[in-house]
Amino acid sequence: MCGTCGCVDGSGEGGGGARISVPHAHPHAHPHTHPHDHAHGSDRVRPAGAGETITLEQGETITLEQKVLGKNDGVAALNRAWLAERGIVAVNMMSSPGAGKTTLLERTVGNFAGRRPVAVVEGDQETALDAERIRRAGGAVVQINTGAGCHLDAEMVRGALTALEPGEGSLVLVENVGNLVCPALFDLGERSRAVIISVTEGTDKPLKYPYMFAAADLVVINKIDLLPYVDFDVERCEEYARSVNPELRVLTVSATTGEGMADWYDWVARP
């Protein structure tokens, strides 16, 4: 069971419950070699840290001697160093289910053909349906099934990178499990984080899930082709998002029609 959020995926002990598969391909058995010293994770998300104190309900105060997510952060640091050595850009894409991440990925893979190699890590609790969609679009893809787990972690992504072996200068897009809570807690070693929301979800998403938006670099408001048919205020949603994180960049796109996608391509491909 995950020691942070309680999901039964083994991620608290290195992602032991996850299943990694490559559609119509064979993962390579040899692991990447990484040094195992000086492992420092991202400081963006720190649920608890060494020396921080927690006051229990009964009034007892305890001091945490280890970061709750220390192990994950260590592996994330190794991932980040491995990617940086090869000039690979990795983006962690997070959203609630149905926001349109996979459609966004399909269009991105298709439009980057011949421009830059794209590899995709697909995270879902079950099935390889999304991975098959990416494969048909022409992208190299690895599927991670987390079972009851509600997020990917750094160890899972490390295994996926071993299987994918992305070339130097590649773009690696990680489609996290559909969830606006737990994925924000886990550093994967990515360069940046994008939160995708759709106009069908409601204007107030950033206020309801502030931790996710505080941890993000970019918000993509998807399905804008549906704006005439839904009650969604783009300007107010942007205002809510920046009230949580003033540094956020916000893009509006339709992954279905292609509207606004040029801005997404520019952002995702930047060094």
Protein backbone atom coordinates (compact mmCIF):
# COMPACT_ATOMS: atom_id res chain seq x y z
CA MET A 1 0.00 0.00 0.00
CA CYS A 2 1.24 3.47 -0.87
CA GLY A 3 2.62 5.11 2.26
CA THR A 4 1.45 8.56 1.16
CA CYS A 5 -2.03 8.23 -0.27
CA GLY A 6 -3.02 4.67 0.67
CA CYS A 7 -3.51 3.34 -2.87
CA VAL A 8 -2.61 -0.30 -3.37
CA ASP A 9 0.04 -0.01 -6.07
CA GLY A 10 3.23 -0.57 -4.17
CA SER A 11 4.48 2.89 -5.09
CA GLY A 12 5.45 3.64 -1.55
CA GLU A 13 7.93 0.80 -1.88
CA GLY A 14 9.12 1.49 -5.41
CA GLY A 15 6.08 0.87 -7.58
CA GLY A 16 6.17 -2.88 -7.10
CA GLY A 17 2.54 -3.41 -8.06
CA ALA A 18 2.74 -1.72 -11.46
CA ARG A 19 2.80 -3.65 -14.74
CA ILE A 20 4.83 -2.17 -17.60
CA SER A 21 4.22 -3.34 -21.16
CA VAL A 22 5.23 -2.27 -24.66
CA PRO A 23 2.48 -2.84 -27.26
CA HIS A 24 3.77 -5.08 -30.08
CA ALA A 25 7.35 -4.75 -28.90
CA HIS A 26 9.68 -6.23 -26.35
CA PRO A 27 11.09 -4.26 -23.41
CA HIS A 28 14.84 -4.41 -23.03
CA ALA A 29 16.01 -6.43 -20.07
CA HIS A 30 19.12 -4.38 -19.33
CA PRO A 31 18.52 -1.58 -16.83
CA HIS A 32 20.09 1.83 -17.13
CA THR A 33 23.00 2.35 -14.84
CA HIS A 34 22.66 5.32 -12.54
CA PRO A 35 24.83 6.49 -9.67
CA HIS A 36 23.08 6.09 -6.36
CA ASP A 37 24.46 9.04 -4.47
CA HIS A 38 23.48 12.67 -4.15
CA ALA A 39 19.82 11.88 -4.90
CA HIS A 40 17.87 15.05 -4.34
CA GLY A 41 14.30 15.33 -5.64
CA SER A 42 12.45 18.38 -6.84
CA ASP A 43 11.62 20.99 -4.20
CA ARG A 44 8.36 21.89 -5.93
CA VAL A 45 6.18 19.46 -3.99
CA ARG A 46 7.06 18.85 -0.35
CA PRO A 47 4.22 17.27 1.63
CA ALA A 48 6.53 16.79 4.61
CA GLY A 49 10.24 17.09 5.20
CA ALA A 50 12.99 16.17 7.59
CA GLY A 51 12.77 18.19 10.74
CA GLU A 52 9.19 19.29 10.14
CA THR A 53 6.73 18.69 12.97
CA ILE A 54 3.22 17.30 12.99
CA THR A 55 0.79 17.80 15.87
CA LEU A 56 -1.47 14.81 16.40
CA GLU A 57 -5.12 15.05 17.38
CA GLN A 58 -4.29 14.18 20.99
CA GLY A 59 -1.82 17.06 21.17
CA GLU A 60 1.30 14.91 20.85
CA THR A 61 3.93 16.41 18.56
CA ILE A 62 6.32 14.27 16.52
CA THR A 63 9.24 15.27 14.32
CA LEU A 64 9.66 13.69 10.90
CA GLU A 65 13.26 12.52 10.49
CA GLN A 66 12.76 11.54 6.86
CA LYS A 67 10.84 13.07 4.04
CA VAL A 68 7.72 11.02 3.42
CA LEU A 69 8.47 11.00 -0.28
CA GLY A 70 12.24 10.82 0.10
CA LYS A 71 12.68 7.53 -1.74
CA ASN A 72 10.59 8.66 -4.68
CA ASP A 73 12.44 11.98 -4.85
CA GLY A 74 15.77 10.16 -4.95
CA VAL A 75 14.73 8.07 -7.96
CA ALA A 76 13.21 11.16 -9.60
CA ALA A 77 16.56 12.93 -9.30
CA LEU A 78 18.26 10.01 -11.04
CA ASN A 79 15.64 10.11 -13.81
CA ARG A 80 16.11 13.86 -14.21
CA ALA A 81 19.89 13.52 -14.48
CA TRP A 82 19.61 10.67 -17.01
CA LEU A 83 17.22 12.69 -19.17
CA ALA A 84 19.34 15.85 -18.97
CA GLU A 85 22.48 13.98 -20.03
CA ARG A 86 20.70 12.97 -23.24
CA GLY A 87 18.95 16.27 -23.92
CA ILE A 88 15.55 14.60 -23.52
CA VAL A 89 12.59 16.79 -22.56
CA ALA A 90 10.03 15.04 -20.32
CA VAL A 91 6.61 16.50 -19.55
CA ASN A 92 4.22 15.11 -16.93
CA MET A 93 0.63 15.48 -18.18
CA MET A 94 -2.04 15.31 -15.47
CA SER A 95 -5.82 15.66 -15.50
CA SER A 96 -9.06 14.17 -14.30
CA PRO A 97 -10.42 11.29 -16.42
CA GLY A 98 -11.93 12.40 -19.71
CA ALA A 99 -10.20 15.78 -20.03
CA GLY A 100 -8.71 14.78 -23.38
CA LYS A 101 -5.08 13.92 -22.58
CA THR A 102 -4.91 10.99 -24.99
CA THR A 103 -6.48 12.93 -27.87
CA LEU A 104 -3.99 15.73 -27.19
CA LEU A 105 -1.17 13.17 -27.29
CA GLU A 106 -2.41 11.58 -30.52
CA ARG A 107 -2.42 14.92 -32.31
CA THR A 108 0.97 15.86 -30.84
CA VAL A 109 2.57 12.58 -31.96
CA GLY A 110 1.14 13.02 -35.46
CA ASN A 111 2.29 16.62 -35.83
CA PHE A 112 5.79 16.00 -34.48
CA ALA A 113 6.46 13.25 -37.04
CA GLY A 114 9.74 14.04 -38.78
CA ARG A 115 10.31 17.03 -36.51
CA ARG A 116 11.39 15.39 -33.25
CA PRO A 117 11.18 11.82 -31.90
CA VAL A 118 8.29 11.45 -29.44
CA ALA A 119 7.94 8.68 -26.87
CA VAL A 120 4.91 8.30 -24.61
CA VAL A 121 4.49 6.73 -21.18
CA GLU A 122 0.83 5.79 -20.70
CA GLY A 123 -0.46 5.46 -17.12
CA ASP A 124 -3.80 3.77 -16.44
CA GLN A 125 -5.15 1.51 -13.76
CA GLU A 126 -6.07 -1.14 -16.34
CA THR A 127 -6.12 -1.86 -20.11
CA ALA A 128 -3.72 -0.85 -22.89
CA LEU A 129 -6.40 1.01 -24.88
CA ASP A 130 -4.71 4.41 -24.74
CA ALA A 131 -1.30 2.93 -25.55
CA GLU A 132 -2.77 1.31 -28.66
CA ARG A 133 -4.16 4.69 -29.73
CA ILE A 134 -0.70 6.26 -29.40
CA ARG A 135 0.91 3.37 -31.29
CA ARG A 136 -1.56 3.80 -34.16
CA ALA A 137 -0.70 7.52 -34.25
CA GLY A 138 2.94 6.54 -34.80
CA GLY A 139 4.44 7.08 -31.36
CA ALA A 140 6.74 4.82 -29.36
CA VAL A 141 4.79 3.93 -26.23
CA VAL A 142 4.98 2.00 -22.98
CA GLN A 143 1.87 1.18 -20.96
CA ILE A 144 1.99 1.21 -17.16
CA ASN A 145 -1.00 -0.36 -15.41
CA THR A 146 -1.11 0.62 -11.75
CA GLY A 147 -3.97 -1.64 -10.65
CA ALA A 148 -5.65 0.11 -7.74
CA GLY A 149 -2.94 2.78 -7.75
CA CYS A 150 -4.04 6.35 -8.48
CA HIS A 151 -0.76 7.81 -9.77
CA LEU A 152 2.57 7.09 -11.40
CA ASP A 153 5.78 7.35 -9.41
CA ALA A 154 9.45 7.83 -10.29
CA GLU A 155 10.32 4.11 -10.12
CA MET A 156 7.56 3.25 -12.59
CA VAL A 157 8.78 5.94 -14.99
CA ARG A 158 12.35 4.70 -14.62
CA GLY A 159 11.20 1.25 -15.74
CA ALA A 160 9.32 2.77 -18.66
CA LEU A 161 12.40 4.73 -19.78
CA THR A 162 14.41 1.51 -19.68
CA ALA A 163 11.85 -0.15 -21.95
CA LEU A 164 11.47 2.83 -24.30
CA GLU A 165 15.14 3.79 -24.59
CA PRO A 166 14.29 7.24 -26.07
CA GLY A 167 17.00 8.67 -28.29
CA GLU A 168 18.97 11.81 -27.59
CA GLY A 169 16.94 14.96 -28.07
CA SER A 170 13.62 13.11 -27.81
CA LEU A 171 10.41 14.40 -26.31
CA VAL A 172 8.94 12.11 -23.63
CA LEU A 173 5.31 12.77 -22.73
CA VAL A 174 3.97 11.05 -19.61
CA GLU A 175 0.21 10.62 -19.42
CA ASN A 176 -0.41 10.21 -15.70
CA VAL A 177 -3.35 8.32 -14.22
CA GLY A 178 -6.55 10.37 -14.39
CA ASN A 179 -6.69 12.03 -10.96
CA LEU A 180 -6.38 15.65 -9.80
CA VAL A 181 -4.98 14.83 -6.36
CA CYS A 182 -2.22 12.23 -5.92
CA PRO A 183 -0.19 12.73 -9.14
CA ALA A 184 0.78 16.20 -7.91
CA LEU A 185 2.59 14.65 -4.95
CA PHE A 186 5.02 12.51 -6.95
CA ASP A 187 8.04 13.96 -8.73
CA LEU A 188 8.82 11.76 -11.75
CA GLY A 189 12.00 13.50 -12.86
CA GLU A 190 10.15 15.53 -15.49
CA ARG A 191 11.20 18.92 -16.83
CA SER A 192 7.74 20.39 -16.36
CA ARG A 193 4.12 19.64 -15.52
CA ALA A 194 0.99 20.36 -17.51
CA VAL A 195 -2.53 20.12 -16.12
CA ILE A 196 -5.22 19.52 -18.72
CA ILE A 197 -8.80 20.46 -17.91
CA SER A 198 -11.78 20.54 -20.24
CA VAL A 199 -14.57 23.08 -20.55
CA THR A 200 -17.04 20.34 -19.59
CA GLU A 201 -15.56 20.09 -16.07
CA GLY A 202 -16.51 23.43 -14.56
CA THR A 203 -14.82 26.80 -14.14
CA ASP A 204 -13.88 26.28 -10.50
CA LYS A 205 -11.52 23.28 -10.88
CA PRO A 206 -8.42 25.26 -9.74
CA LEU A 207 -10.16 26.22 -6.49
CA LYS A 208 -11.34 22.68 -5.79
CA TYR A 209 -7.94 21.09 -6.49
CA PRO A 210 -5.45 23.83 -5.57
CA TYR A 211 -2.48 21.56 -4.85
CA MET A 212 -2.49 20.24 -8.40
CA PHE A 213 -2.52 23.72 -9.91
CA ALA A 214 0.09 24.98 -7.46
CA ALA A 215 2.42 22.19 -8.60
CA ALA A 216 1.91 22.83 -12.34
CA ASP A 217 3.79 24.94 -14.89
CA LEU A 218 1.03 25.04 -17.49
CA VAL A 219 -2.75 24.73 -17.64
CA VAL A 220 -4.27 23.56 -20.91
CA ILE A 221 -7.99 24.30 -21.19
CA ASN A 222 -9.14 21.72 -23.72
CA LYS A 223 -12.33 21.15 -25.76
CA ILE A 224 -12.88 24.85 -26.45
CA ASP A 225 -14.89 23.81 -29.50
CA LEU A 226 -17.64 22.95 -26.97
CA LEU A 227 -17.76 26.43 -25.38
CA PRO A 228 -21.03 27.40 -27.12
CA TYR A 229 -22.74 24.44 -25.48
CA VAL A 230 -21.46 24.49 -21.89
CA ASP A 231 -21.38 26.87 -18.94
CA PHE A 232 -17.65 27.62 -18.70
CA ASP A 233 -15.95 30.98 -18.17
CA VAL A 234 -12.40 30.85 -19.58
CA GLU A 235 -11.29 34.17 -18.10
CA ARG A 236 -12.57 33.32 -14.64
CA CYS A 237 -10.93 29.88 -14.75
CA GLU A 238 -7.61 31.55 -15.62
CA GLU A 239 -8.13 33.98 -12.75
CA TYR A 240 -8.79 31.11 -10.33
CA ALA A 241 -5.72 29.21 -11.56
CA ARG A 242 -3.42 32.21 -11.13
CA SER A 243 -4.83 32.91 -7.67
CA VAL A 244 -3.36 29.53 -6.72
CA ASN A 245 -0.17 29.86 -8.79
CA PRO A 246 0.65 33.33 -10.20
CA GLU A 247 3.39 31.88 -12.43
CA LEU A 248 1.06 29.58 -14.37
CA ARG A 249 0.81 29.86 -18.12
CA VAL A 250 -2.65 29.08 -19.52
CA LEU A 251 -3.39 27.84 -23.05
CA THR A 252 -6.77 27.24 -24.66
CA VAL A 253 -6.97 24.45 -27.24
CA SER A 254 -9.19 21.97 -28.98
CA ALA A 255 -7.32 18.72 -29.43
CA THR A 256 -10.18 17.58 -31.68
CA THR A 257 -10.18 20.47 -34.18
CA GLY A 258 -6.55 21.57 -33.72
CA GLU A 259 -7.43 25.12 -32.60
CA GLY A 260 -4.69 26.59 -30.41
CA MET A 261 -2.44 23.53 -30.72
CA ALA A 262 0.49 25.50 -32.21
CA ASP A 263 0.99 27.20 -28.83
CA TRP A 264 1.00 23.79 -27.11
CA TYR A 265 3.62 22.46 -29.56
CA ASP A 266 5.84 25.48 -28.96
CA TRP A 267 5.58 25.08 -25.18
CA VAL A 268 6.08 21.35 -25.01
CA ALA A 269 9.11 21.35 -27.33
CA ARG A 270 11.04 24.17 -25.69
CA PRO A 271 14.43 23.15 -24.23
